[in-house]
Amino acid sequence: MTNGNVRRPKVDLYSDTQSRPTRAMREYMVDAEVGDEQRGEDPTTTALQNRVAELLGKEAAVFLPSGTMCNEIAYRVHCGTGDEIILDKTGHALHFEAGGPAALSGVMTRALDGERGIFTPEQVAAAIRPINRHLPLSKLLSVENTANLGGGAVWPLQQIRAVCEVAHANGLATHMDGARLPNAVIASATSAKAFAEPFDSAWIDLSKGLGAPVGGVLTGSAEFIERAWRFKHQFGGAMRQSGIIAAAGLYALEHQFERLREDHDNAKRLANALVDIPGIVIDVATIETNMVYFDVEQTGLSAAKVSELLGERGVRIGALGPMTMRAVTYLDVDAADVDFAARSLREVLSNACP
């Protein structure tokens, strides 16, 4: 746990959730026109919702406090108690949402063994349950794009279309966890609308690479979003003058979407620097977006120990397993920061290893 007395690292590569609103974004927030969002009277929130609905090619949208709530509300709308969601074994909802699907919606999850978070149409077809009174009902296919634990991998558009086609042909709804969809858009030169088109619901996060302080926007049909509003209230996500924070999302979409390519460039820069550090194992070819996963087993140190030693030098990189580490670039990290982090890692390992 942390508190207000903890000193911020000089270079923080723990996650793009560490991004902070820029001065210009803060000023835009101050000037936001606000009202009661619950009564549909907050013009800034409404503008954000309309903007994201248009971006993703959906009828309607709802602004929510977090990306996790976007996923959990979508699951609640699409599924009934005892139904089953099909998703990859690395899916965010399986690992980082505190058991939300079970706790909030009473649904089961069926994990596919994809490659870097990306599974095939054949795997989806094999996972769909036959109709049988003894079995849960397969109700929803959930895709995460980019795939976080897959190293920030971008789903090929044709593969997205193919897995969704199988799902729809078998009566399943489809949902996209688009927490880092903007990164996928920039990396692949594929529009957000094209990525979202095969899905019945989809969302984007505002508080990661886009740099807003809080929030995500869930989209779908008008009927879907009407039901989502009910669960927003039920899950405790109702707000009032939310335009103050919605304004940050509008600013981010307008001014900080295209600059994500800088984060991707910095991630590649970091990966290329890590290649030459003895004991570090990394596949540079897998760096597609803003995430850099690497293995430290050959250093003789655990990931947690390397993270601790780096922290003493003012660099924060998270341990994602006993020997796996993840560094994430974002708008508060520039090329000089990346170089400093790489030098620090080299020095840490040089001093710690015989």
Protein backbone atom coordinates (compact mmCIF):
# COMPACT_ATOMS: atom_id res chain seq x y z
CA MET A 1 0.00 0.00 0.00
CA THR A 2 1.08 3.57 -0.59
CA ASN A 3 0.33 6.91 1.00
CA GLY A 4 0.88 10.57 0.27
CA ASN A 5 4.41 10.46 1.70
CA VAL A 6 5.75 8.02 -0.88
CA ARG A 7 8.13 9.67 -3.33
CA ARG A 8 7.26 9.30 -6.99
CA PRO A 9 9.96 7.47 -9.01
CA LYS A 10 12.11 9.49 -11.37
CA VAL A 11 11.04 7.17 -14.19
CA ASP A 12 7.80 5.27 -13.69
CA LEU A 13 7.26 2.46 -16.20
CA TYR A 14 4.88 0.50 -14.02
CA SER A 15 1.80 1.16 -16.18
CA ASP A 16 0.25 3.73 -18.48
CA THR A 17 -2.31 4.22 -15.70
CA GLN A 18 0.43 6.35 -14.11
CA SER A 19 -0.11 9.02 -16.77
CA ARG A 20 -1.09 12.42 -15.41
CA PRO A 21 -3.28 15.12 -16.95
CA THR A 22 -1.31 17.82 -18.72
CA ARG A 23 -1.63 21.48 -17.83
CA ALA A 24 -3.69 22.08 -20.96
CA MET A 25 -6.02 19.21 -20.06
CA ARG A 26 -6.46 20.57 -16.55
CA GLU A 27 -7.38 23.99 -17.93
CA TYR A 28 -9.89 22.39 -20.29
CA MET A 29 -11.45 20.60 -17.31
CA VAL A 30 -11.75 23.83 -15.35
CA ASP A 31 -13.75 25.42 -18.15
CA ALA A 32 -16.08 22.43 -18.69
CA GLU A 33 -19.80 23.12 -18.74
CA VAL A 34 -21.52 20.77 -16.31
CA GLY A 35 -24.93 19.59 -15.14
CA ASP A 36 -26.59 16.51 -13.66
CA GLU A 37 -25.59 13.53 -15.78
CA GLN A 38 -28.30 11.38 -14.19
CA ARG A 39 -30.89 13.69 -15.69
CA GLY A 40 -29.07 13.93 -19.01
CA GLU A 41 -28.20 17.54 -18.26
CA ASP A 42 -24.40 17.43 -18.30
CA PRO A 43 -23.48 18.68 -21.79
CA THR A 44 -19.80 17.75 -21.54
CA THR A 45 -20.54 14.16 -20.52
CA THR A 46 -23.11 13.91 -23.30
CA ALA A 47 -20.58 15.25 -25.80
CA LEU A 48 -18.00 12.66 -24.70
CA GLN A 49 -20.51 9.84 -24.99
CA ASN A 50 -21.55 10.95 -28.46
CA ARG A 51 -17.94 11.33 -29.52
CA VAL A 52 -16.97 7.80 -28.48
CA ALA A 53 -20.15 6.27 -29.90
CA GLU A 54 -19.27 7.85 -33.24
CA LEU A 55 -15.62 6.80 -32.94
CA LEU A 56 -16.60 3.16 -32.40
CA GLY A 57 -19.55 3.22 -34.80
CA LYS A 58 -22.22 2.43 -32.20
CA GLU A 59 -25.66 3.89 -31.52
CA ALA A 60 -25.02 5.06 -27.98
CA ALA A 61 -22.50 5.22 -25.14
CA VAL A 62 -22.25 5.71 -21.39
CA PHE A 63 -19.39 7.31 -19.47
CA LEU A 64 -18.23 5.17 -16.53
CA PRO A 65 -15.72 5.65 -13.70
CA SER A 66 -13.47 2.78 -14.78
CA GLY A 67 -12.68 0.27 -17.48
CA THR A 68 -13.39 -2.57 -15.09
CA MET A 69 -16.92 -1.24 -14.69
CA CYS A 70 -17.23 -1.14 -18.50
CA ASN A 71 -16.47 -4.85 -18.65
CA GLU A 72 -18.60 -5.81 -15.68
CA ILE A 73 -21.67 -3.89 -16.80
CA ALA A 74 -21.37 -5.37 -20.29
CA TYR A 75 -21.20 -8.86 -18.82
CA ARG A 76 -24.26 -8.15 -16.67
CA VAL A 77 -26.27 -6.90 -19.64
CA HIS A 78 -25.31 -9.75 -21.96
CA CYS A 79 -25.51 -12.66 -19.51
CA GLY A 80 -27.83 -14.20 -16.96
CA THR A 81 -26.90 -15.97 -13.74
CA GLY A 82 -25.08 -19.21 -14.49
CA ASP A 83 -24.27 -18.30 -18.09
CA GLU A 84 -20.75 -18.56 -19.43
CA ILE A 85 -18.32 -16.06 -20.97
CA ILE A 86 -15.62 -17.30 -23.35
CA LEU A 87 -12.36 -15.34 -23.24
CA ASP A 88 -8.61 -15.85 -23.37
CA LYS A 89 -6.74 -17.27 -20.37
CA THR A 90 -4.89 -13.95 -20.09
CA GLY A 91 -8.09 -11.88 -20.04
CA HIS A 92 -8.25 -8.88 -17.74
CA ALA A 93 -11.56 -10.00 -16.25
CA LEU A 94 -10.01 -13.30 -15.17
CA HIS A 95 -7.02 -11.79 -13.39
CA PHE A 96 -7.56 -8.17 -12.43
CA GLU A 97 -11.25 -7.52 -11.72
CA ALA A 98 -11.49 -9.11 -8.27
CA GLY A 99 -13.72 -11.95 -9.43
CA GLY A 100 -16.21 -9.45 -10.79
CA PRO A 101 -17.98 -11.71 -13.31
CA ALA A 102 -18.90 -14.17 -10.55
CA ALA A 103 -19.47 -11.63 -7.78
CA LEU A 104 -21.50 -9.08 -9.75
CA SER A 105 -23.24 -11.16 -12.40
CA GLY A 106 -23.07 -14.74 -11.21
CA VAL A 107 -21.52 -15.88 -14.48
CA MET A 108 -18.89 -18.46 -15.30
CA THR A 109 -15.82 -17.96 -17.47
CA ARG A 110 -14.27 -20.39 -19.93
CA ALA A 111 -10.64 -19.64 -20.79
CA LEU A 112 -9.11 -20.31 -24.18
CA ASP A 113 -5.42 -21.09 -24.63
CA GLY A 114 -4.64 -18.40 -27.16
CA GLU A 115 -1.25 -17.21 -28.34
CA ARG A 116 -0.24 -13.90 -26.75
CA GLY A 117 -3.88 -13.34 -25.80
CA ILE A 118 -5.20 -14.02 -29.31
CA PHE A 119 -7.28 -17.12 -30.00
CA THR A 120 -8.69 -18.70 -33.17
CA PRO A 121 -12.19 -19.25 -34.58
CA GLU A 122 -11.64 -22.99 -34.18
CA GLN A 123 -10.94 -22.55 -30.47
CA VAL A 124 -14.12 -20.54 -30.07
CA ALA A 125 -16.20 -23.15 -31.88
CA ALA A 126 -14.76 -25.91 -29.70
CA ALA A 127 -15.51 -24.00 -26.49
CA ILE A 128 -19.18 -23.27 -27.20
CA ARG A 129 -21.33 -25.56 -25.10
CA PRO A 130 -23.99 -27.78 -26.66
CA ILE A 131 -27.49 -27.06 -25.39
CA ASN A 132 -27.92 -29.42 -22.47
CA ARG A 133 -29.75 -28.99 -19.19
CA HIS A 134 -26.61 -30.04 -17.29
CA LEU A 135 -24.33 -27.44 -18.88
CA PRO A 136 -23.97 -23.67 -18.54
CA LEU A 137 -25.13 -21.65 -21.52
CA SER A 138 -22.42 -20.09 -23.68
CA LYS A 139 -23.65 -16.51 -23.92
CA LEU A 140 -20.77 -14.13 -24.62
CA LEU A 141 -17.42 -13.98 -26.38
CA SER A 142 -15.05 -11.39 -24.89
CA VAL A 143 -11.94 -10.13 -26.73
CA GLU A 144 -9.22 -7.90 -25.27
CA ASN A 145 -7.52 -5.63 -27.82
CA THR A 146 -4.66 -4.94 -27.25
CA ALA A 147 -3.96 -8.05 -25.20
CA ASN A 148 -2.24 -6.86 -22.02
CA LEU A 149 -0.73 -10.12 -20.77
CA GLY A 150 -0.05 -10.98 -24.39
CA GLY A 151 2.55 -8.22 -24.36
CA GLY A 152 0.34 -5.50 -25.83
CA ALA A 153 -0.41 -7.63 -28.89
CA VAL A 154 -2.77 -6.25 -31.53
CA TRP A 155 -5.52 -8.50 -32.83
CA PRO A 156 -5.51 -8.82 -36.64
CA LEU A 157 -8.79 -7.40 -37.91
CA GLN A 158 -9.60 -10.47 -39.98
CA GLN A 159 -9.15 -12.69 -36.93
CA ILE A 160 -11.47 -10.50 -34.88
CA ARG A 161 -14.09 -10.76 -37.59
CA ALA A 162 -13.63 -14.52 -37.79
CA VAL A 163 -14.03 -15.22 -34.06
CA CYS A 164 -17.05 -12.93 -33.83
CA GLU A 165 -18.64 -14.61 -36.83
CA VAL A 166 -18.39 -17.99 -35.10
CA ALA A 167 -19.86 -16.54 -31.92
CA HIS A 168 -22.79 -14.87 -33.68
CA ALA A 169 -23.50 -17.96 -35.76
CA ASN A 170 -23.95 -19.86 -32.51
CA GLY A 171 -26.16 -17.27 -30.84
CA LEU A 172 -23.52 -15.64 -28.63
CA ALA A 173 -23.15 -11.91 -28.11
CA THR A 174 -19.69 -10.36 -28.54
CA HIS A 175 -17.85 -7.82 -26.41
CA MET A 176 -14.53 -6.02 -26.83
CA ASP A 177 -12.42 -4.96 -23.87
CA GLY A 178 -10.81 -2.00 -25.61
CA ALA A 179 -8.84 -0.64 -22.68
CA ARG A 180 -5.93 -0.02 -25.04
CA LEU A 181 -7.85 0.01 -28.30
CA PRO A 182 -6.36 3.42 -29.18
CA ASN A 183 -2.91 1.78 -29.12
CA ALA A 184 -4.16 -0.95 -31.45
CA VAL A 185 -5.55 1.69 -33.79
CA ILE A 186 -2.27 3.58 -34.01
CA ALA A 187 -0.11 0.46 -34.30
CA SER A 188 -2.18 -1.17 -37.04
CA ALA A 189 -3.53 1.87 -38.93
CA THR A 190 -6.96 0.26 -38.51
CA SER A 191 -9.81 2.51 -37.42
CA ALA A 192 -11.49 2.10 -34.05
CA LYS A 193 -14.78 1.73 -35.91
CA ALA A 194 -13.46 -1.19 -37.97
CA PHE A 195 -12.17 -2.95 -34.85
CA ALA A 196 -15.46 -2.40 -32.99
CA GLU A 197 -17.86 -3.22 -35.84
CA PRO A 198 -18.11 -7.01 -35.21
CA PHE A 199 -18.90 -6.50 -31.52
CA ASP A 200 -22.24 -5.96 -29.84
CA SER A 201 -20.51 -3.86 -27.18
CA ALA A 202 -17.10 -2.24 -26.94
CA TRP A 203 -15.33 0.36 -24.84
CA ILE A 204 -12.17 2.43 -24.59
CA ASP A 205 -10.25 3.58 -21.55
CA LEU A 206 -9.44 7.25 -21.12
CA SER A 207 -6.99 6.96 -18.22
CA LYS A 208 -4.22 4.91 -19.80
CA GLY A 209 -2.32 6.07 -22.88
CA LEU A 210 -4.80 8.84 -23.57
CA GLY A 211 -3.74 10.47 -20.31
CA ALA A 212 -7.06 11.40 -18.70
CA PRO A 213 -7.20 11.01 -14.91
CA VAL A 214 -10.23 8.70 -14.79
CA GLY A 215 -12.90 6.89 -16.77
CA GLY A 216 -13.92 4.69 -19.66
CA VAL A 217 -16.75 4.85 -22.20
CA LEU A 218 -18.89 1.80 -23.00
CA THR A 219 -20.74 1.68 -26.32
CA GLY A 220 -23.39 -0.46 -27.98
CA SER A 221 -26.93 -0.33 -29.29
CA ALA A 222 -29.37 2.15 -27.78
CA GLU A 223 -31.17 -0.71 -26.03
CA PHE A 224 -27.89 -2.09 -24.65
CA ILE A 225 -26.84 1.30 -23.28
CA GLU A 226 -30.26 1.90 -21.71
CA ARG A 227 -29.79 -1.30 -19.71
CA ALA A 228 -26.18 -0.39 -18.99
CA TRP A 229 -27.34 2.85 -17.33
CA ARG A 230 -29.40 0.80 -14.86
CA PHE A 231 -26.42 -1.29 -13.87
CA LYS A 232 -24.22 1.79 -13.70
CA HIS A 233 -26.52 2.98 -10.94
CA GLN A 234 -26.73 -0.46 -9.32
CA PHE A 235 -22.94 -0.91 -9.29
CA GLY A 236 -22.42 2.51 -7.71
CA GLY A 237 -21.15 4.28 -10.79
CA ALA A 238 -23.75 7.04 -10.96
CA MET A 239 -22.25 10.52 -10.98
CA ARG A 240 -23.62 14.05 -11.07
CA GLN A 241 -21.53 16.89 -12.52
CA SER A 242 -19.30 14.39 -14.31
CA GLY A 243 -18.44 16.87 -17.06
CA ILE A 244 -15.45 17.94 -14.96
CA ILE A 245 -13.77 14.59 -15.67
CA ALA A 246 -15.51 13.88 -18.97
CA ALA A 247 -13.82 17.00 -20.31
CA ALA A 248 -10.45 15.33 -19.84
CA GLY A 249 -11.59 12.50 -22.09
CA LEU A 250 -12.73 14.91 -24.78
CA TYR A 251 -9.41 16.73 -24.63
CA ALA A 252 -7.49 13.45 -24.80
CA LEU A 253 -9.37 12.23 -27.87
CA GLU A 254 -8.76 15.52 -29.63
CA HIS A 255 -5.14 16.15 -28.69
CA GLN A 256 -3.49 12.97 -27.39
CA PHE A 257 -4.70 10.12 -29.59
CA GLU A 258 -2.21 10.37 -32.44
CA ARG A 259 0.72 10.93 -30.09
CA LEU A 260 0.39 7.30 -28.90
CA ARG A 261 2.83 6.41 -31.68
CA GLU A 262 5.52 8.16 -29.60
CA ASP A 263 4.86 5.66 -26.81
CA HIS A 264 5.24 2.79 -29.26
CA ASP A 265 8.52 4.22 -30.52
CA ASN A 266 9.79 4.57 -26.95
CA ALA A 267 8.79 0.99 -26.15
CA LYS A 268 10.83 -0.25 -29.11
CA ARG A 269 13.70 1.98 -28.04
CA LEU A 270 13.65 0.42 -24.59
CA ALA A 271 13.40 -3.12 -25.96
CA ASN A 272 16.37 -2.56 -28.25
CA ALA A 273 18.41 -1.27 -25.31
CA LEU A 274 17.50 -4.27 -23.13
CA VAL A 275 18.60 -6.78 -25.76
CA ASP A 276 22.27 -6.08 -25.04
CA ILE A 277 22.03 -6.39 -21.25
CA PRO A 278 23.50 -9.73 -20.05
CA GLY A 279 20.86 -12.00 -18.51
CA ILE A 280 17.87 -10.22 -20.02
CA VAL A 281 15.78 -12.28 -22.42
CA ILE A 282 13.46 -10.33 -24.69
CA ASP A 283 11.90 -10.80 -28.12
CA VAL A 284 11.99 -7.37 -29.75
CA ALA A 285 9.82 -8.60 -32.61
CA THR A 286 6.86 -8.92 -30.23
CA ILE A 287 6.88 -5.23 -29.25
CA GLU A 288 3.85 -3.89 -31.12
CA THR A 289 2.55 -1.14 -28.88
CA ASN A 290 3.61 0.43 -25.57
CA MET A 291 4.41 -2.68 -23.52
CA VAL A 292 7.79 -4.32 -23.03
CA TYR A 293 7.82 -7.74 -21.38
CA PHE A 294 11.17 -9.32 -20.55
CA ASP A 295 12.58 -12.25 -18.57
CA VAL A 296 15.27 -11.95 -15.88
CA GLU A 297 15.75 -15.63 -14.96
CA GLN A 298 19.25 -15.77 -16.44
CA THR A 299 20.37 -12.92 -14.19
CA GLY A 300 20.07 -15.15 -11.12
CA LEU A 301 17.67 -12.64 -9.54
CA SER A 302 13.91 -12.73 -9.24
CA ALA A 303 11.75 -10.16 -10.97
CA ALA A 304 10.68 -8.83 -7.57
CA LYS A 305 14.32 -8.34 -6.54
CA VAL A 306 15.23 -6.59 -9.78
CA SER A 307 12.19 -4.35 -9.32
CA GLU A 308 13.29 -3.53 -5.78
CA LEU A 309 16.85 -2.68 -6.85
CA LEU A 310 15.59 -0.51 -9.69
CA GLY A 311 13.30 1.29 -7.25
CA GLU A 312 16.32 2.30 -5.20
CA ARG A 313 17.63 4.07 -8.30
CA GLY A 314 14.36 5.85 -9.00
CA VAL A 315 13.02 3.51 -11.68
CA ARG A 316 9.76 1.63 -11.26
CA ILE A 317 9.18 -1.46 -13.40
CA GLY A 318 6.65 -4.03 -12.27
CA ALA A 319 7.16 -7.75 -11.68
CA LEU A 320 4.45 -9.69 -13.54
CA GLY A 321 5.63 -13.10 -12.34
CA PRO A 322 8.58 -14.76 -10.62
CA MET A 323 10.90 -13.96 -13.52
CA THR A 324 8.85 -11.72 -15.81
CA MET A 325 8.83 -7.93 -15.81
CA ARG A 326 6.72 -5.41 -17.69
CA ALA A 327 7.62 -1.85 -18.62
CA VAL A 328 4.95 0.42 -20.11
CA THR A 329 5.53 3.72 -21.92
CA TYR A 330 3.10 6.65 -21.99
CA LEU A 331 2.97 10.41 -22.39
CA ASP A 332 4.97 11.20 -19.21
CA VAL A 333 7.87 9.04 -20.43
CA ASP A 334 10.25 10.35 -23.08
CA ALA A 335 13.30 8.91 -24.82
CA ALA A 336 15.65 10.21 -22.14
CA ASP A 337 13.60 8.44 -19.46
CA VAL A 338 13.75 5.21 -21.42
CA ASP A 339 17.52 5.50 -21.76
CA PHE A 340 17.87 6.20 -18.03
CA ALA A 341 15.79 3.13 -17.19
CA ALA A 342 17.88 0.91 -19.46
CA ARG A 343 21.14 2.24 -17.99
CA SER A 344 19.81 1.71 -14.48
CA LEU A 345 18.87 -1.88 -15.23
CA ARG A 346 22.30 -2.57 -16.67
CA GLU A 347 23.97 -1.06 -13.59
CA VAL A 348 21.71 -2.95 -11.18
CA LEU A 349 22.51 -6.29 -12.81
CA SER A 350 26.20 -5.48 -13.14
CA ASN A 351 26.45 -4.71 -9.43
CA ALA A 352 24.25 -7.57 -8.25
CA CYS A 353 25.58 -10.40 -10.39
CA PRO A 354 29.08 -11.90 -10.15
